[in-house]
Amino acid sequence: MEKKTISLKGVSIPAFVGARDVNLRAINKYLEGSKVVLRGDELHAYGSPESLVQIEKIILILKEKLRVSGQLEEFDVIEAIEAVKNGGAAGGNHGDIVILTPKKRIEPKTPNQKKYLRAIMENDVVVAIGPAGTGKTFLAVAMALKFLREKKVERLILTRPAVEAGESLGYLPGDFEEKISPYLTPLYDALYSMMPYDRVRRLIDTRVIEIAPLAYMRGRTLSDAFIILDEAQNTKTVQMKMFLTRLGPRSKVVITGDITQIDLPKNEDSGLIEIQKILRNIKGIAFVKFGPEDVIRHRLVKRIIEAYDDYYEAKEREKGAQHRPD
């Protein structure tokens, strides 16, 4: 193994190495066969000539990141390592979009997921429609965290309609916040799967992340924010218009839903169905359709969705045959 000494003069050593040397441990973990040791204000790197070149590039990226933002976290290190391994700079475009979160690396698994992430990068409003298990909400939350970490937005706003927020909620114990909480659980689940619990709670407590029912959006202008409307098939027409007109400067909106699972009363139209006709020709608004081929849950979920689709298509054909004149 060869050795290379890299100076850390000009940067905060504690900030660079992280609490309990977490950043140095990440470098050693993700660059197998190499080793980095701190000695005063120098890093002593050991490895093959090729790995030493990579380590030096990674350290330069991290020093610049620390100089600009004033802090480094483990996923900054992972991102820098991925960038160097892919022959680019941190935050660059290496074909497919890869999202690095404190808990996991996230990337599209189907062509439609890739199209979805690309649409979010390139449009101010994205509408994703498709069955459960296709990653609509999960990927939207991942992209929201990416935008927040890159300081492209200042806050995340995650919202859902609570179609049961009428008489049925009145029988549940607690105040309105406690009654509405079950309907927002999937949004919390997505966040906790990507970030440690205490960090999520800290961001919620400081209102960097806000999770609230759709009714709370009325009368607001949402600027410098990444806003996700989940379960949008249960949004009434007037609610959808209200939500879309909250969009403020430097904000991004992602709307997700499954039009085969509408829980609205029979006399109410779904705003998600209507906007496909109303907004389809507006530049800056993209529609992405998911199908059973995009389901990434248990293999049976895909078959269940296909079976339901076949069943309802057969019922429609049967209904049409009954009303067809002889």
Protein backbone atom coordinates (compact mmCIF):
# COMPACT_ATOMS: atom_id res chain seq x y z
CA MET A 1 0.00 0.00 0.00
CA GLU A 2 1.20 3.49 -0.83
CA LYS A 3 0.73 6.56 1.35
CA LYS A 4 -0.44 10.10 0.59
CA THR A 5 -0.67 13.07 2.97
CA ILE A 6 -3.55 15.51 2.44
CA SER A 7 -3.65 18.82 4.31
CA LEU A 8 -6.84 19.98 6.09
CA LYS A 9 -5.54 23.46 6.85
CA GLY A 10 -8.21 26.13 6.51
CA VAL A 11 -11.15 23.96 7.53
CA SER A 12 -12.64 23.02 10.89
CA ILE A 13 -11.21 19.62 11.79
CA PRO A 14 -14.11 18.65 14.13
CA ALA A 15 -16.66 19.60 11.45
CA PHE A 16 -14.74 17.73 8.78
CA VAL A 17 -14.35 14.43 10.65
CA GLY A 18 -17.84 14.63 12.20
CA ALA A 19 -19.13 13.50 15.57
CA ARG A 20 -17.21 10.41 16.71
CA ASP A 21 -15.31 10.52 13.39
CA VAL A 22 -18.43 9.44 11.47
CA ASN A 23 -17.24 11.05 8.22
CA LEU A 24 -13.83 9.39 8.33
CA ARG A 25 -15.46 6.06 9.10
CA ALA A 26 -17.70 6.52 6.05
CA ILE A 27 -14.69 7.08 3.80
CA ASN A 28 -13.01 3.93 5.15
CA LYS A 29 -16.23 1.94 4.85
CA TYR A 30 -17.14 2.87 1.27
CA LEU A 31 -13.60 2.81 -0.12
CA GLU A 32 -12.72 -0.81 0.57
CA GLY A 33 -9.04 -1.61 0.45
CA SER A 34 -8.06 1.93 1.46
CA LYS A 35 -7.53 3.59 4.81
CA VAL A 36 -7.67 7.19 6.00
CA VAL A 37 -6.23 8.30 9.37
CA LEU A 38 -6.26 11.79 10.92
CA ARG A 39 -2.97 13.12 12.26
CA GLY A 40 -3.27 16.68 13.54
CA ASP A 41 -4.42 18.81 10.60
CA GLU A 42 -3.44 16.18 8.03
CA LEU A 43 -5.04 13.08 6.61
CA HIS A 44 -2.80 10.10 5.97
CA ALA A 45 -4.31 8.00 3.19
CA TYR A 46 -3.15 4.45 2.42
CA GLY A 47 -4.05 2.42 -0.65
CA SER A 48 -3.32 1.72 -4.28
CA PRO A 49 -2.23 4.61 -6.53
CA GLU A 50 -5.73 4.66 -8.11
CA SER A 51 -7.51 4.76 -4.74
CA LEU A 52 -5.23 7.55 -3.47
CA VAL A 53 -6.20 9.66 -6.48
CA GLN A 54 -9.88 9.04 -5.66
CA ILE A 55 -9.40 9.87 -1.98
CA GLU A 56 -7.73 13.18 -2.81
CA LYS A 57 -10.63 14.14 -5.10
CA ILE A 58 -13.15 13.17 -2.42
CA ILE A 59 -11.37 15.26 0.22
CA LEU A 60 -11.31 18.29 -2.11
CA ILE A 61 -15.07 17.96 -2.71
CA LEU A 62 -15.74 17.67 1.02
CA LYS A 63 -13.53 20.65 1.91
CA GLU A 64 -15.43 22.78 -0.61
CA LYS A 65 -18.78 21.53 0.70
CA LEU A 66 -17.70 22.39 4.25
CA ARG A 67 -16.49 25.83 3.19
CA VAL A 68 -19.84 26.61 1.50
CA SER A 69 -22.34 25.12 3.96
CA GLY A 70 -20.37 25.11 7.21
CA GLN A 71 -21.17 21.46 7.97
CA LEU A 72 -20.65 17.93 6.74
CA GLU A 73 -22.80 14.86 7.30
CA GLU A 74 -22.29 11.22 6.46
CA PHE A 75 -24.45 11.31 3.33
CA ASP A 76 -22.33 14.24 2.03
CA VAL A 77 -19.36 11.87 2.20
CA ILE A 78 -21.29 9.09 0.46
CA GLU A 79 -22.42 11.49 -2.25
CA ALA A 80 -18.84 12.66 -2.85
CA ILE A 81 -17.61 9.06 -3.05
CA GLU A 82 -20.36 8.15 -5.53
CA ALA A 83 -19.55 11.23 -7.63
CA VAL A 84 -15.83 10.44 -7.82
CA LYS A 85 -16.46 6.77 -8.58
CA ASN A 86 -18.75 7.83 -11.44
CA GLY A 87 -16.13 10.20 -12.82
CA GLY A 88 -17.98 13.45 -12.10
CA ALA A 89 -18.42 16.12 -9.49
CA ALA A 90 -20.68 15.93 -6.46
CA GLY A 91 -24.25 16.77 -7.29
CA GLY A 92 -23.60 16.23 -11.01
CA ASN A 93 -25.73 14.31 -13.48
CA HIS A 94 -24.49 10.80 -14.17
CA GLY A 95 -27.45 9.59 -16.22
CA ASP A 96 -29.96 8.11 -13.80
CA ILE A 97 -30.86 10.23 -10.79
CA VAL A 98 -29.46 8.78 -7.57
CA ILE A 99 -30.79 10.12 -4.27
CA LEU A 100 -28.63 9.64 -1.19
CA THR A 101 -30.34 9.85 2.18
CA PRO A 102 -28.91 9.20 5.65
CA LYS A 103 -30.43 5.72 5.69
CA LYS A 104 -30.36 4.51 2.10
CA ARG A 105 -29.44 5.05 -1.52
CA ILE A 106 -32.51 5.52 -3.71
CA GLU A 107 -32.66 5.24 -7.48
CA PRO A 108 -35.40 4.51 -10.04
CA LYS A 109 -36.16 0.84 -10.61
CA THR A 110 -38.43 1.14 -13.68
CA PRO A 111 -38.48 3.38 -16.80
CA ASN A 112 -41.56 5.21 -15.49
CA GLN A 113 -39.87 5.89 -12.16
CA LYS A 114 -36.92 7.34 -14.06
CA LYS A 115 -39.30 9.48 -16.12
CA TYR A 116 -41.01 10.60 -12.89
CA LEU A 117 -37.80 11.77 -11.21
CA ARG A 118 -36.70 13.53 -14.38
CA ALA A 119 -40.09 15.27 -14.60
CA ILE A 120 -39.74 16.53 -11.02
CA MET A 121 -36.31 17.97 -11.84
CA GLU A 122 -37.59 19.77 -14.94
CA ASN A 123 -41.13 20.95 -14.06
CA ASP A 124 -42.74 23.08 -11.36
CA VAL A 125 -45.82 20.85 -11.10
CA VAL A 126 -45.80 17.07 -11.57
CA VAL A 127 -48.87 14.83 -11.38
CA ALA A 128 -48.20 11.12 -10.83
CA ILE A 129 -51.12 8.73 -11.29
CA GLY A 130 -51.00 4.98 -10.79
CA PRO A 131 -51.66 2.02 -8.51
CA ALA A 132 -50.30 1.43 -5.04
CA GLY A 133 -46.74 0.18 -4.74
CA THR A 134 -45.30 2.10 -7.70
CA GLY A 135 -43.23 4.45 -5.53
CA LYS A 136 -45.17 7.65 -6.26
CA THR A 137 -45.10 9.02 -2.71
CA PHE A 138 -41.81 7.44 -1.65
CA LEU A 139 -39.86 8.90 -4.57
CA ALA A 140 -41.53 12.30 -4.17
CA VAL A 141 -40.46 12.46 -0.51
CA ALA A 142 -36.93 11.37 -1.48
CA MET A 143 -36.71 14.14 -4.08
CA ALA A 144 -38.08 16.64 -1.56
CA LEU A 145 -35.29 15.76 0.88
CA LYS A 146 -32.76 16.07 -1.93
CA PHE A 147 -34.04 19.56 -2.81
CA LEU A 148 -33.96 20.55 0.86
CA ARG A 149 -30.42 19.30 1.39
CA GLU A 150 -29.22 21.08 -1.75
CA LYS A 151 -30.89 24.29 -0.47
CA LYS A 152 -33.11 24.56 -3.55
CA VAL A 153 -36.05 24.94 -1.16
CA GLU A 154 -36.32 26.06 2.45
CA ARG A 155 -39.07 23.71 3.62
CA LEU A 156 -41.08 20.59 2.85
CA ILE A 157 -44.85 20.56 3.01
CA LEU A 158 -46.56 17.16 2.90
CA THR A 159 -50.34 17.11 2.77
CA ARG A 160 -53.26 14.73 2.27
CA PRO A 161 -57.03 15.14 2.06
CA ALA A 162 -58.90 13.54 4.94
CA VAL A 163 -62.07 12.41 3.21
CA GLU A 164 -63.40 11.02 6.49
CA ALA A 165 -63.00 14.38 8.27
CA GLY A 166 -66.73 14.74 8.83
CA GLU A 167 -69.00 12.97 11.28
CA SER A 168 -66.90 9.80 11.49
CA LEU A 169 -63.96 11.67 13.03
CA GLY A 170 -66.20 13.14 15.70
CA TYR A 171 -66.44 9.76 17.37
CA LEU A 172 -62.68 9.38 17.70
CA PRO A 173 -60.96 10.49 20.93
CA GLY A 174 -58.69 13.53 21.10
CA ASP A 175 -58.51 16.92 19.42
CA PHE A 176 -58.53 17.48 15.65
CA GLU A 177 -54.75 17.01 15.37
CA GLU A 178 -54.97 13.61 17.05
CA LYS A 179 -57.98 12.59 14.96
CA ILE A 180 -56.32 13.53 11.69
CA SER A 181 -52.95 11.93 12.52
CA PRO A 182 -53.80 8.41 11.21
CA TYR A 183 -54.43 9.79 7.72
CA LEU A 184 -50.96 11.34 7.62
CA THR A 185 -49.08 8.26 8.88
CA PRO A 186 -47.86 7.13 5.42
CA LEU A 187 -46.05 10.46 4.99
CA TYR A 188 -44.30 10.03 8.35
CA ASP A 189 -43.41 6.45 7.39
CA ALA A 190 -41.70 7.63 4.18
CA LEU A 191 -39.63 10.19 6.10
CA TYR A 192 -38.61 7.77 8.85
CA SER A 193 -37.47 5.23 6.25
CA MET A 194 -34.95 7.77 4.91
CA MET A 195 -33.85 9.73 7.97
CA PRO A 196 -33.23 8.99 11.67
CA TYR A 197 -36.25 9.58 13.89
CA ASP A 198 -34.64 12.36 15.94
CA ARG A 199 -33.63 14.31 12.83
CA VAL A 200 -37.13 14.08 11.37
CA ARG A 201 -38.64 15.26 14.66
CA ARG A 202 -36.18 18.17 14.84
CA LEU A 203 -37.10 19.30 11.32
CA ILE A 204 -40.80 19.02 12.15
CA ASP A 205 -40.38 20.92 15.42
CA THR A 206 -38.60 23.76 13.60
CA ARG A 207 -41.26 23.64 10.84
CA VAL A 208 -38.72 22.92 8.14
CA ILE A 209 -40.97 19.92 7.48
CA GLU A 210 -44.70 20.41 7.81
CA ILE A 211 -47.20 17.56 7.60
CA ALA A 212 -50.81 18.69 7.59
CA PRO A 213 -54.25 17.88 6.18
CA LEU A 214 -55.19 19.61 2.93
CA ALA A 215 -57.69 21.90 4.64
CA TYR A 216 -54.75 23.66 6.36
CA MET A 217 -53.46 24.91 3.00
CA ARG A 218 -56.36 27.32 2.40
CA GLY A 219 -55.42 31.01 2.35
CA ARG A 220 -51.65 30.40 2.23
CA THR A 221 -48.99 31.22 -0.34
CA LEU A 222 -46.33 28.48 -0.30
CA SER A 223 -43.00 29.99 -1.38
CA ASP A 224 -39.52 28.38 -1.40
CA ALA A 225 -41.12 25.03 -0.68
CA PHE A 226 -41.38 21.49 -2.03
CA ILE A 227 -45.05 20.56 -1.64
CA ILE A 228 -46.45 17.04 -1.98
CA LEU A 229 -50.18 16.35 -2.21
CA ASP A 230 -50.67 12.64 -1.56
CA GLU A 231 -53.85 10.56 -2.12
CA ALA A 232 -55.02 13.30 -4.47
CA GLN A 233 -57.78 11.12 -5.92
CA ASN A 234 -59.75 12.02 -2.78
CA THR A 235 -59.42 15.75 -3.44
CA LYS A 236 -62.60 17.48 -4.56
CA THR A 237 -62.54 19.78 -7.58
CA VAL A 238 -62.66 22.95 -5.51
CA GLN A 239 -59.94 21.63 -3.17
CA MET A 240 -57.63 20.82 -6.09
CA LYS A 241 -57.99 24.34 -7.49
CA MET A 242 -57.38 25.78 -4.03
CA PHE A 243 -54.25 23.68 -3.60
CA LEU A 244 -52.75 24.46 -7.00
CA THR A 245 -53.25 28.18 -6.55
CA ARG A 246 -51.17 28.10 -3.32
CA LEU A 247 -48.02 27.73 -5.45
CA GLY A 248 -45.60 30.55 -4.71
CA PRO A 249 -42.23 31.68 -6.09
CA ARG A 250 -39.39 29.12 -6.18
CA SER A 251 -41.68 26.27 -5.19
CA LYS A 252 -42.32 22.82 -6.63
CA VAL A 253 -45.50 20.74 -6.39
CA VAL A 254 -45.86 16.97 -6.76
CA ILE A 255 -49.37 15.48 -6.79
CA THR A 256 -49.81 11.72 -6.40
CA GLY A 257 -52.85 9.51 -6.48
CA ASP A 258 -54.63 6.38 -7.69
CA ILE A 259 -57.85 7.09 -9.59
CA THR A 260 -59.03 3.49 -9.06
CA GLN A 261 -59.29 4.05 -5.29
CA ILE A 262 -61.52 7.11 -4.90
CA ASP A 263 -63.23 7.36 -1.51
CA LEU A 264 -65.29 10.50 -2.23
CA PRO A 265 -69.10 10.38 -2.07
CA LYS A 266 -70.74 9.31 -5.34
CA ASN A 267 -71.95 12.86 -6.07
CA GLU A 268 -68.44 14.36 -5.78
CA ASP A 269 -65.99 14.52 -8.70
CA SER A 270 -62.31 13.80 -8.11
CA GLY A 271 -60.06 16.78 -8.71
CA LEU A 272 -57.30 14.41 -9.80
CA ILE A 273 -59.39 13.13 -12.70
CA GLU A 274 -60.41 16.64 -13.77
CA ILE A 275 -56.95 18.18 -13.84
CA GLN A 276 -55.86 15.65 -16.46
CA LYS A 277 -58.24 17.41 -18.85
CA ILE A 278 -57.89 20.97 -17.54
CA LEU A 279 -54.11 21.25 -17.20
CA ARG A 280 -52.75 18.82 -19.77
CA ASN A 281 -51.54 21.51 -22.22
CA ILE A 282 -49.91 23.89 -19.73
CA LYS A 283 -46.13 24.18 -20.03
CA GLY A 284 -44.36 23.45 -16.75
CA ILE A 285 -46.93 20.85 -15.68
CA ALA A 286 -46.02 17.21 -16.35
CA PHE A 287 -48.17 14.09 -16.05
CA VAL A 288 -46.61 10.69 -15.36
CA LYS A 289 -48.69 7.51 -15.55
CA PHE A 290 -47.69 4.34 -13.67
CA GLY A 291 -48.99 0.85 -14.33
CA PRO A 292 -48.81 -2.64 -12.81
CA GLU A 293 -45.37 -3.07 -14.41
CA ASP A 294 -44.05 -0.38 -12.05
CA VAL A 295 -45.18 -2.09 -8.82
CA ILE A 296 -42.13 -2.76 -6.64
CA ARG A 297 -43.84 -4.25 -3.59
CA HIS A 298 -44.42 -7.97 -3.09
CA ARG A 299 -44.76 -9.79 -6.44
CA LEU A 300 -48.40 -10.65 -5.58
CA VAL A 301 -49.36 -6.95 -5.46
CA LYS A 302 -48.79 -6.66 -9.21
CA ARG A 303 -50.96 -9.73 -9.83
CA ILE A 304 -53.69 -8.42 -7.52
CA ILE A 305 -53.81 -5.08 -9.37
CA GLU A 306 -53.95 -6.84 -12.76
CA ALA A 307 -56.73 -9.15 -11.53
CA TYR A 308 -58.84 -6.19 -10.35
CA ASP A 309 -58.24 -4.37 -13.65
CA ASP A 310 -59.37 -7.43 -15.60
CA TYR A 311 -62.43 -7.83 -13.38
CA TYR A 312 -63.63 -4.25 -13.78
CA GLU A 313 -62.94 -4.25 -17.52
CA ALA A 314 -65.08 -7.38 -17.85
CA LYS A 315 -67.87 -5.73 -15.83
CA GLU A 316 -67.77 -2.67 -18.10
CA ARG A 317 -67.98 -4.88 -21.19
CA GLU A 318 -70.89 -6.78 -19.66
CA LYS A 319 -72.67 -3.53 -18.77
CA GLY A 320 -72.16 -2.25 -22.31
CA ALA A 321 -73.57 -5.44 -23.79
CA GLN A 322 -76.69 -5.20 -21.61
CA HIS A 323 -77.42 -1.64 -22.80
CA ARG A 324 -76.66 -2.35 -26.48
CA PRO A 325 -79.86 -2.38 -28.57
CA ASP A 326 -80.69 -5.66 -30.31
